[in-house]
Amino acid sequence: MKVAELIEMLQDMDPEAEVKFVYNYGDYWRTNVAADIDRIEEGEVEYSGYHNMDKVVEPDYDEDEEELEEGEEPAPKKETKSVILLR
């Protein structure tokens, strides 16, 4: 979903209505719970085959400073994309 699509979907809603984020709690009954959204921010995601969806990538500030052994190649950078995260 793009930001423009989200705005279009929300424009006919009551501007005073609360907004929640729904997710499966993971319990035995597969309960859907509704969590508060505390902030909206830009972030990076990459596809996770284990989860079959994108996962949030936290910045690794030490990665650039990692020392390599002689002849060792740096690990290839994983392909990420910038997205808007609702937290």
Protein backbone atom coordinates (compact mmCIF):
# COMPACT_ATOMS: atom_id res chain seq x y z
CA MET A 1 0.00 0.00 0.00
CA LYS A 2 1.20 3.49 -0.80
CA VAL A 3 0.75 6.54 1.44
CA ALA A 4 -1.58 8.08 -1.16
CA GLU A 5 -3.79 4.96 -1.05
CA LEU A 6 -3.94 5.10 2.75
CA ILE A 7 -4.87 8.79 2.68
CA GLU A 8 -7.60 8.08 0.12
CA MET A 9 -9.03 5.27 2.25
CA LEU A 10 -9.02 7.41 5.39
CA GLN A 11 -10.42 10.65 3.93
CA ASP A 12 -14.06 9.56 4.33
CA MET A 13 -13.53 8.36 7.92
CA ASP A 14 -14.42 10.30 11.04
CA PRO A 15 -11.30 12.40 11.79
CA GLU A 16 -11.98 11.96 15.54
CA ALA A 17 -12.03 8.15 15.35
CA GLU A 18 -9.22 6.19 17.02
CA VAL A 19 -6.79 4.22 14.84
CA LYS A 20 -5.41 0.85 15.99
CA PHE A 21 -3.08 -1.74 14.49
CA VAL A 22 -4.61 -5.24 14.35
CA TYR A 23 -2.45 -8.36 14.58
CA ASN A 24 -2.76 -12.00 15.58
CA TYR A 25 -1.65 -12.40 19.19
CA GLY A 26 -0.29 -15.89 18.49
CA ASP A 27 -2.27 -17.61 21.22
CA TYR A 28 -4.10 -20.93 20.95
CA TRP A 29 -7.34 -19.23 19.82
CA ARG A 30 -5.55 -17.00 17.25
CA THR A 31 -7.06 -13.92 18.86
CA ASN A 32 -6.88 -10.70 16.85
CA VAL A 33 -5.84 -7.85 19.13
CA ALA A 34 -5.84 -4.09 18.46
CA ALA A 35 -2.74 -2.21 19.61
CA ASP A 36 -2.31 1.56 19.87
CA ILE A 37 -0.20 3.28 17.22
CA ASP A 38 2.27 5.47 19.09
CA ARG A 39 4.35 6.79 16.22
CA ILE A 40 4.87 6.78 12.47
CA GLU A 41 8.41 6.69 11.10
CA GLU A 42 10.48 5.80 8.07
CA GLY A 43 12.34 2.52 8.24
CA GLU A 44 14.02 -0.17 6.17
CA VAL A 45 12.63 -3.64 5.49
CA GLU A 46 13.94 -6.71 3.71
CA TYR A 47 12.14 -9.84 2.59
CA SER A 48 12.38 -12.77 5.02
CA GLY A 49 11.86 -16.21 3.52
CA TYR A 50 11.39 -17.61 7.03
CA HIS A 51 8.43 -15.27 7.67
CA ASN A 52 7.26 -15.09 4.03
CA MET A 53 6.99 -11.31 4.37
CA ASP A 54 9.10 -8.21 4.94
CA LYS A 55 10.83 -7.78 8.28
CA VAL A 56 12.13 -4.55 9.79
CA VAL A 57 15.88 -4.09 9.50
CA GLU A 58 17.48 -2.23 12.37
CA PRO A 59 20.49 -0.10 11.39
CA ASP A 60 23.84 -1.72 12.21
CA TYR A 61 26.20 1.18 12.77
CA ASP A 62 29.20 -1.07 13.45
CA GLU A 63 28.91 -2.88 10.12
CA ASP A 64 30.96 -0.29 8.21
CA GLU A 65 33.73 -0.43 10.81
CA GLU A 66 34.05 -4.22 10.74
CA GLU A 67 37.64 -5.24 10.09
CA LEU A 68 38.19 -7.92 7.49
CA GLU A 69 40.93 -10.51 7.45
CA GLU A 70 43.41 -10.21 4.60
CA GLY A 71 41.78 -11.45 1.39
CA GLU A 72 38.34 -11.63 3.01
CA GLU A 73 35.43 -10.15 1.06
CA PRO A 74 32.78 -8.09 2.84
CA ALA A 75 29.39 -9.77 3.13
CA PRO A 76 27.03 -8.67 0.35
CA LYS A 77 24.53 -6.04 1.42
CA LYS A 78 20.98 -7.34 1.62
CA GLU A 79 18.45 -5.60 -0.59
CA THR A 80 16.22 -3.37 1.53
CA LYS A 81 13.52 -0.85 0.79
CA SER A 82 12.43 2.27 2.62
CA VAL A 83 8.87 2.21 3.97
CA ILE A 84 6.60 4.03 6.44
CA LEU A 85 6.19 2.07 9.69
CA LEU A 86 3.20 2.38 12.01
CA ARG A 87 4.33 1.56 15.54
